Amino acid sequence: MTDDLGSTPKMLVKNVPAWADVMRDGQNLLLLVDGTLVQHSIKDGSEKKLRSLQPGEVPVDWAKEPDHIFTQIASATEIRIDKVDLASDQRETWQTFTPKHQQGAWLYVLQVSITPDGRWMLFNYQNQFGHFYASDTLR
C-alpha cells in the first residue's frame, strides 16, 4: 500500500490509544495508554512514560504553560478539572462542576473543551434518571 506520493506510509503507533494529541514541540505525540501518559516520538517511534493518571482520569487539552495539561475526573455527582504539570508531576484542582439538581444524578460526560488559559470551559453531560413505580392494585 502506498500513499499519494508513492511512498509506503509509516504506522505511528501500533495500538490505538485511549487519547492522543500532538505535543507542542511538533515532534512527539502525547498518548494515553492503559492509564499512563506516554510521549511517543514521531521520528523514530521511541516512547517515554511520563506519568500515570488517577483511575477514571482522562486528558482534556493543553494548558498555556509548557508541559501542562488539563485533565478531568468525572464521578457520579461532579466533574473535576485538574491542571497537571507533566515535568514536575504536580497538580492543582482547576475547577469543579456540580450540577444543581443532584437527585438521581449519574453524570455521563460527553466531551470537554477548555481554553489554554483555563478561563472558559465547555462540556456536555447527561443526567440519567430512572423511574420506579410501585403498585398493589395491579393484576
N, C-alpha and C. Protein backbone atom coordinates (compact mmCIF):
# COMPACT_ATOMS: atom_id res chain seq x y z
N MET A 1 0.85 -1.18 0.00
CA MET A 1 0.00 0.00 0.00
C MET A 1 0.89 1.24 0.00
N THR A 2 0.57 2.20 -0.86
CA THR A 2 1.35 3.43 -0.92
C THR A 2 0.43 4.63 -0.78
N ASP A 3 1.00 5.76 -0.36
CA ASP A 3 0.21 6.98 -0.25
C ASP A 3 0.22 7.72 -1.58
N ASP A 4 -0.35 8.91 -1.65
CA ASP A 4 -0.44 9.69 -2.89
C ASP A 4 0.92 10.07 -3.45
N LEU A 5 1.94 10.07 -2.61
CA LEU A 5 3.27 10.47 -3.05
C LEU A 5 4.10 9.27 -3.52
N GLY A 6 3.51 8.07 -3.48
CA GLY A 6 4.20 6.89 -3.94
C GLY A 6 5.07 6.21 -2.91
N SER A 7 5.05 6.67 -1.67
CA SER A 7 5.86 6.03 -0.64
C SER A 7 4.97 5.22 0.29
N THR A 8 5.57 4.25 0.94
CA THR A 8 4.83 3.42 1.88
C THR A 8 4.63 4.20 3.17
N PRO A 9 3.37 4.36 3.60
CA PRO A 9 3.15 5.12 4.84
C PRO A 9 3.68 4.35 6.05
N LYS A 10 4.13 5.11 7.06
CA LYS A 10 4.64 4.52 8.29
C LYS A 10 3.54 4.56 9.34
N MET A 11 3.46 3.52 10.12
CA MET A 11 2.49 3.48 11.21
C MET A 11 3.09 4.21 12.40
N LEU A 12 2.38 5.22 12.90
CA LEU A 12 2.90 5.99 14.03
C LEU A 12 2.84 5.21 15.33
N VAL A 13 1.72 4.53 15.57
CA VAL A 13 1.57 3.74 16.79
C VAL A 13 0.97 2.39 16.41
N LYS A 14 1.34 1.38 17.18
CA LYS A 14 0.86 0.02 16.88
C LYS A 14 -0.56 -0.22 17.37
N ASN A 15 -0.88 0.30 18.53
CA ASN A 15 -2.20 0.11 19.12
C ASN A 15 -2.90 1.45 19.26
N VAL A 16 -4.20 1.45 19.14
CA VAL A 16 -4.97 2.68 19.24
C VAL A 16 -5.00 3.12 20.71
N PRO A 17 -4.48 4.32 20.99
CA PRO A 17 -4.51 4.81 22.38
C PRO A 17 -5.91 5.30 22.75
N ALA A 18 -6.17 5.43 24.06
CA ALA A 18 -7.46 5.93 24.52
C ALA A 18 -7.60 7.42 24.20
N TRP A 19 -6.48 8.13 24.09
CA TRP A 19 -6.47 9.57 23.78
C TRP A 19 -5.11 9.88 23.17
N ALA A 20 -5.07 10.83 22.25
CA ALA A 20 -3.80 11.22 21.64
C ALA A 20 -3.87 12.67 21.20
N ASP A 21 -2.73 13.35 21.26
CA ASP A 21 -2.63 14.72 20.76
C ASP A 21 -1.17 14.99 20.43
N VAL A 22 -0.94 15.92 19.52
CA VAL A 22 0.42 16.32 19.17
C VAL A 22 0.94 17.23 20.27
N MET A 23 2.17 16.96 20.70
CA MET A 23 2.77 17.81 21.73
C MET A 23 3.22 19.13 21.10
N ARG A 24 3.44 20.13 21.92
CA ARG A 24 3.76 21.47 21.42
C ARG A 24 5.02 21.54 20.58
N ASP A 25 5.96 20.61 20.80
CA ASP A 25 7.19 20.64 20.02
C ASP A 25 6.99 20.16 18.59
N GLY A 26 5.83 19.56 18.30
CA GLY A 26 5.54 19.07 16.96
C GLY A 26 6.31 17.82 16.58
N GLN A 27 7.15 17.32 17.47
CA GLN A 27 7.98 16.14 17.20
C GLN A 27 7.49 14.89 17.91
N ASN A 28 6.54 15.07 18.83
CA ASN A 28 6.08 13.96 19.66
C ASN A 28 4.57 13.96 19.76
N LEU A 29 4.04 12.78 20.05
CA LEU A 29 2.63 12.63 20.38
C LEU A 29 2.53 12.38 21.87
N LEU A 30 1.47 12.86 22.48
CA LEU A 30 1.17 12.50 23.86
C LEU A 30 0.01 11.52 23.78
N LEU A 31 0.23 10.32 24.29
CA LEU A 31 -0.75 9.25 24.21
C LEU A 31 -1.20 8.84 25.61
N LEU A 32 -2.43 8.42 25.72
CA LEU A 32 -2.93 7.81 26.96
C LEU A 32 -3.06 6.32 26.69
N VAL A 33 -2.19 5.53 27.33
CA VAL A 33 -2.16 4.09 27.13
C VAL A 33 -2.29 3.42 28.49
N ASP A 34 -3.38 2.69 28.69
CA ASP A 34 -3.61 1.97 29.95
C ASP A 34 -3.44 2.87 31.17
N GLY A 35 -3.98 4.09 31.11
CA GLY A 35 -3.94 5.00 32.24
C GLY A 35 -2.63 5.74 32.43
N THR A 36 -1.70 5.59 31.51
CA THR A 36 -0.39 6.24 31.60
C THR A 36 -0.20 7.17 30.41
N LEU A 37 0.30 8.38 30.68
CA LEU A 37 0.63 9.30 29.60
C LEU A 37 2.01 8.94 29.07
N VAL A 38 2.08 8.78 27.75
CA VAL A 38 3.31 8.34 27.10
C VAL A 38 3.69 9.35 26.03
N GLN A 39 4.96 9.75 26.02
CA GLN A 39 5.49 10.61 24.97
C GLN A 39 6.03 9.69 23.87
N HIS A 40 5.47 9.83 22.66
CA HIS A 40 5.83 8.96 21.53
C HIS A 40 6.48 9.81 20.45
N SER A 41 7.71 9.49 20.08
CA SER A 41 8.44 10.24 19.06
C SER A 41 7.86 9.94 17.68
N ILE A 42 7.53 10.98 16.93
CA ILE A 42 7.03 10.82 15.57
C ILE A 42 8.18 10.37 14.66
N LYS A 43 9.40 10.81 14.95
CA LYS A 43 10.56 10.48 14.10
C LYS A 43 10.94 9.01 14.17
N ASP A 44 11.22 8.53 15.38
CA ASP A 44 11.78 7.18 15.48
C ASP A 44 10.90 6.18 16.22
N GLY A 45 9.73 6.60 16.71
CA GLY A 45 8.82 5.67 17.38
C GLY A 45 9.18 5.34 18.80
N SER A 46 10.24 5.95 19.34
CA SER A 46 10.61 5.67 20.73
C SER A 46 9.56 6.24 21.67
N GLU A 47 9.45 5.62 22.83
CA GLU A 47 8.43 6.05 23.80
C GLU A 47 9.06 6.26 25.17
N LYS A 48 8.47 7.21 25.88
CA LYS A 48 8.91 7.53 27.25
C LYS A 48 7.66 7.72 28.09
N LYS A 49 7.55 6.94 29.17
CA LYS A 49 6.42 7.10 30.08
C LYS A 49 6.60 8.37 30.89
N LEU A 50 5.56 9.21 30.91
CA LEU A 50 5.65 10.48 31.63
C LEU A 50 5.05 10.37 33.03
N ARG A 51 3.84 9.86 33.12
CA ARG A 51 3.20 9.72 34.43
C ARG A 51 1.92 8.92 34.29
N SER A 52 1.50 8.34 35.39
CA SER A 52 0.22 7.64 35.43
C SER A 52 -0.85 8.60 35.89
N LEU A 53 -2.04 8.43 35.39
CA LEU A 53 -3.17 9.24 35.83
C LEU A 53 -3.97 8.49 36.88
N GLN A 54 -4.80 9.20 37.59
CA GLN A 54 -5.65 8.58 38.60
C GLN A 54 -6.72 7.74 37.90
N PRO A 55 -7.28 6.75 38.58
CA PRO A 55 -8.34 5.94 37.95
C PRO A 55 -9.49 6.84 37.47
N GLY A 56 -9.91 6.65 36.24
CA GLY A 56 -11.01 7.43 35.66
C GLY A 56 -10.61 8.79 35.14
N GLU A 57 -9.35 9.18 35.29
CA GLU A 57 -8.89 10.49 34.83
C GLU A 57 -8.51 10.42 33.36
N VAL A 58 -8.92 11.43 32.60
CA VAL A 58 -8.58 11.49 31.18
C VAL A 58 -8.08 12.89 30.83
N PRO A 59 -7.15 12.97 29.88
CA PRO A 59 -6.68 14.29 29.42
C PRO A 59 -7.80 15.02 28.70
N VAL A 60 -7.79 16.35 28.80
CA VAL A 60 -8.78 17.17 28.11
C VAL A 60 -8.11 18.00 27.04
N ASP A 61 -7.12 18.81 27.43
CA ASP A 61 -6.47 19.71 26.49
C ASP A 61 -5.20 20.27 27.11
N TRP A 62 -4.43 20.97 26.29
CA TRP A 62 -3.20 21.60 26.75
C TRP A 62 -3.49 22.91 27.47
N ALA A 63 -2.72 23.19 28.51
CA ALA A 63 -2.77 24.49 29.17
C ALA A 63 -1.76 25.41 28.48
N LYS A 64 -1.80 26.71 28.80
CA LYS A 64 -0.90 27.65 28.11
C LYS A 64 0.56 27.48 28.55
N GLU A 65 0.80 27.01 29.76
CA GLU A 65 2.16 26.79 30.23
C GLU A 65 2.74 25.54 29.55
N PRO A 66 4.02 25.55 29.23
CA PRO A 66 4.64 24.36 28.62
C PRO A 66 4.52 23.14 29.53
N ASP A 67 4.28 21.99 28.93
CA ASP A 67 4.21 20.71 29.65
C ASP A 67 3.09 20.66 30.70
N HIS A 68 2.05 21.44 30.54
CA HIS A 68 0.89 21.38 31.43
C HIS A 68 -0.34 20.96 30.61
N ILE A 69 -1.13 20.08 31.18
CA ILE A 69 -2.38 19.69 30.54
C ILE A 69 -3.52 19.79 31.56
N PHE A 70 -4.72 19.92 31.02
CA PHE A 70 -5.92 19.83 31.84
C PHE A 70 -6.44 18.40 31.73
N THR A 71 -6.88 17.87 32.86
CA THR A 71 -7.47 16.53 32.88
C THR A 71 -8.84 16.62 33.56
N GLN A 72 -9.64 15.61 33.35
CA GLN A 72 -10.95 15.58 34.01
C GLN A 72 -11.13 14.25 34.72
N ILE A 73 -11.82 14.34 35.84
CA ILE A 73 -12.26 13.15 36.56
C ILE A 73 -13.74 13.35 36.82
N ALA A 74 -14.54 12.47 36.25
CA ALA A 74 -15.99 12.57 36.43
C ALA A 74 -16.45 11.50 37.41
N SER A 75 -17.20 11.93 38.39
CA SER A 75 -17.80 10.98 39.33
C SER A 75 -19.31 10.98 39.08
N ALA A 76 -20.03 10.31 39.90
CA ALA A 76 -21.48 10.24 39.71
C ALA A 76 -22.14 11.60 39.91
N THR A 77 -21.52 12.49 40.68
CA THR A 77 -22.19 13.74 41.02
C THR A 77 -21.40 15.01 40.70
N GLU A 78 -20.16 14.89 40.20
CA GLU A 78 -19.40 16.10 39.87
C GLU A 78 -18.35 15.81 38.81
N ILE A 79 -17.87 16.88 38.21
CA ILE A 79 -16.78 16.81 37.25
C ILE A 79 -15.67 17.71 37.78
N ARG A 80 -14.47 17.15 37.94
CA ARG A 80 -13.34 17.93 38.44
C ARG A 80 -12.32 18.08 37.32
N ILE A 81 -11.88 19.31 37.09
CA ILE A 81 -10.84 19.60 36.11
C ILE A 81 -9.57 19.94 36.88
N ASP A 82 -8.50 19.20 36.60
CA ASP A 82 -7.21 19.45 37.22
C ASP A 82 -6.24 19.98 36.18
N LYS A 83 -5.27 20.76 36.63
CA LYS A 83 -4.16 21.20 35.79
C LYS A 83 -2.94 20.42 36.26
N VAL A 84 -2.33 19.68 35.34
CA VAL A 84 -1.24 18.77 35.69
C VAL A 84 0.05 19.20 34.99
N ASP A 85 1.13 19.29 35.76
CA ASP A 85 2.45 19.60 35.22
C ASP A 85 3.14 18.27 34.91
N LEU A 86 3.36 17.99 33.63
CA LEU A 86 3.95 16.73 33.23
C LEU A 86 5.40 16.60 33.67
N ALA A 87 6.11 17.71 33.80
CA ALA A 87 7.52 17.68 34.17
C ALA A 87 7.72 17.43 35.66
N SER A 88 6.95 18.11 36.51
CA SER A 88 7.16 18.01 37.95
C SER A 88 6.19 17.06 38.64
N ASP A 89 5.17 16.60 37.92
CA ASP A 89 4.17 15.68 38.48
C ASP A 89 3.23 16.37 39.48
N GLN A 90 3.25 17.71 39.54
CA GLN A 90 2.34 18.41 40.44
C GLN A 90 1.00 18.65 39.75
N ARG A 91 -0.03 18.77 40.56
CA ARG A 91 -1.37 19.02 40.04
C ARG A 91 -2.10 19.99 40.94
N GLU A 92 -3.04 20.69 40.36
CA GLU A 92 -3.93 21.55 41.15
C GLU A 92 -5.34 21.40 40.58
N THR A 93 -6.31 21.45 41.48
CA THR A 93 -7.70 21.42 41.04
C THR A 93 -8.01 22.77 40.44
N TRP A 94 -8.44 22.77 39.19
CA TRP A 94 -8.68 24.00 38.45
C TRP A 94 -10.14 24.42 38.58
N GLN A 95 -11.05 23.46 38.49
CA GLN A 95 -12.47 23.77 38.53
C GLN A 95 -13.23 22.51 38.92
N THR A 96 -14.30 22.68 39.66
CA THR A 96 -15.19 21.58 39.99
C THR A 96 -16.61 21.99 39.62
N PHE A 97 -17.28 21.15 38.87
CA PHE A 97 -18.66 21.42 38.47
C PHE A 97 -19.56 20.39 39.12
N THR A 98 -20.55 20.88 39.86
CA THR A 98 -21.54 20.03 40.49
C THR A 98 -22.92 20.51 40.04
N PRO A 99 -23.66 19.66 39.32
CA PRO A 99 -24.99 20.09 38.87
C PRO A 99 -25.88 20.48 40.03
N LYS A 100 -26.74 21.45 39.78
CA LYS A 100 -27.64 21.95 40.81
C LYS A 100 -28.59 20.86 41.30
N HIS A 101 -29.12 20.08 40.39
CA HIS A 101 -30.08 19.04 40.75
C HIS A 101 -29.35 17.70 40.85
N GLN A 102 -29.17 17.23 42.07
CA GLN A 102 -28.41 16.01 42.32
C GLN A 102 -29.29 14.77 42.46
N GLN A 103 -30.59 14.95 42.62
CA GLN A 103 -31.46 13.81 42.88
C GLN A 103 -31.43 12.85 41.70
N GLY A 104 -30.97 11.64 41.94
CA GLY A 104 -30.92 10.62 40.91
C GLY A 104 -29.84 10.84 39.87
N ALA A 105 -28.92 11.74 40.12
CA ALA A 105 -27.91 12.07 39.11
C ALA A 105 -26.89 10.96 38.97
N TRP A 106 -26.52 10.75 37.76
CA TRP A 106 -25.36 9.94 37.41
C TRP A 106 -24.80 10.61 36.18
N LEU A 107 -23.74 11.40 36.34
CA LEU A 107 -23.22 12.21 35.25
C LEU A 107 -22.55 11.34 34.20
N TYR A 108 -22.86 11.63 32.97
CA TYR A 108 -22.21 10.99 31.84
C TYR A 108 -21.64 12.12 31.00
N VAL A 109 -20.31 12.30 31.05
CA VAL A 109 -19.66 13.41 30.36
C VAL A 109 -19.41 13.00 28.92
N LEU A 110 -19.89 13.82 28.00
CA LEU A 110 -19.74 13.51 26.59
C LEU A 110 -18.47 14.08 26.00
N GLN A 111 -18.16 15.34 26.29
CA GLN A 111 -16.97 15.97 25.74
C GLN A 111 -16.65 17.23 26.53
N VAL A 112 -15.37 17.51 26.69
CA VAL A 112 -14.93 18.71 27.39
C VAL A 112 -13.96 19.47 26.49
N SER A 113 -14.11 20.77 26.43
CA SER A 113 -13.15 21.65 25.76
C SER A 113 -12.82 22.77 26.73
N ILE A 114 -11.56 23.20 26.71
CA ILE A 114 -11.12 24.24 27.63
C ILE A 114 -10.09 25.11 26.90
N THR A 115 -10.15 26.42 27.13
CA THR A 115 -9.16 27.30 26.52
C THR A 115 -7.82 27.12 27.24
N PRO A 116 -6.70 27.37 26.56
CA PRO A 116 -5.39 27.17 27.20
C PRO A 116 -5.19 27.95 28.49
N ASP A 117 -5.82 29.12 28.62
CA ASP A 117 -5.68 29.87 29.87
C ASP A 117 -6.62 29.38 30.96
N GLY A 118 -7.49 28.43 30.62
CA GLY A 118 -8.41 27.86 31.60
C GLY A 118 -9.56 28.77 31.96
N ARG A 119 -9.71 29.86 31.25
CA ARG A 119 -10.75 30.83 31.60
C ARG A 119 -12.15 30.36 31.16
N TRP A 120 -12.22 29.65 30.05
CA TRP A 120 -13.51 29.21 29.52
C TRP A 120 -13.51 27.70 29.33
N MET A 121 -14.60 27.09 29.75
CA MET A 121 -14.78 25.66 29.60
C MET A 121 -16.14 25.39 28.99
N LEU A 122 -16.20 24.34 28.22
CA LEU A 122 -17.47 23.89 27.65
C LEU A 122 -17.50 22.38 27.74
N PHE A 123 -18.58 21.84 28.26
CA PHE A 123 -18.72 20.39 28.24
C PHE A 123 -20.18 20.01 28.17
N ASN A 124 -20.40 18.87 27.59
CA ASN A 124 -21.73 18.29 27.52
C ASN A 124 -21.81 17.18 28.55
N TYR A 125 -22.91 17.07 29.19
CA TYR A 125 -23.10 15.96 30.10
C TYR A 125 -24.58 15.60 30.11
N GLN A 126 -24.86 14.40 30.54
CA GLN A 126 -26.22 13.93 30.67
C GLN A 126 -26.44 13.50 32.11
N ASN A 127 -27.64 13.72 32.57
CA ASN A 127 -28.09 13.08 33.80
C ASN A 127 -28.93 11.90 33.37
N GLN A 128 -28.71 10.78 33.99
CA GLN A 128 -29.51 9.61 33.65
C GLN A 128 -30.40 9.32 34.83
N PHE A 129 -31.68 9.46 34.59
CA PHE A 129 -32.67 9.25 35.63
C PHE A 129 -33.50 8.02 35.30
N GLY A 130 -33.98 7.37 36.30
CA GLY A 130 -34.89 6.24 36.12
C GLY A 130 -36.12 6.47 36.97
N HIS A 131 -37.13 5.70 36.71
CA HIS A 131 -38.37 5.80 37.48
C HIS A 131 -38.68 4.44 38.07
N PHE A 132 -39.16 4.46 39.28
CA PHE A 132 -39.58 3.24 39.94
C PHE A 132 -41.02 3.44 40.37
N TYR A 133 -41.86 2.57 39.90
CA TYR A 133 -43.28 2.65 40.24
C TYR A 133 -43.64 1.41 41.07
N ALA A 134 -44.40 1.63 42.10
CA ALA A 134 -44.88 0.51 42.94
C ALA A 134 -46.40 0.61 43.01
N SER A 135 -47.03 -0.54 42.92
CA SER A 135 -48.50 -0.56 42.98
C SER A 135 -48.93 -1.87 43.60
N ASP A 136 -49.97 -1.79 44.40
CA ASP A 136 -50.55 -3.02 44.96
C ASP A 136 -51.90 -3.32 44.32
N THR A 137 -52.24 -2.58 43.25
CA THR A 137 -53.54 -2.79 42.59
C THR A 137 -53.41 -3.45 41.21
N LEU A 138 -52.21 -3.82 40.80
CA LEU A 138 -52.03 -4.47 39.50
C LEU A 138 -52.40 -5.94 39.59
N ARG A 139 -52.90 -6.49 38.50
CA ARG A 139 -53.25 -7.91 38.49
C ARG A 139 -52.34 -8.67 37.61
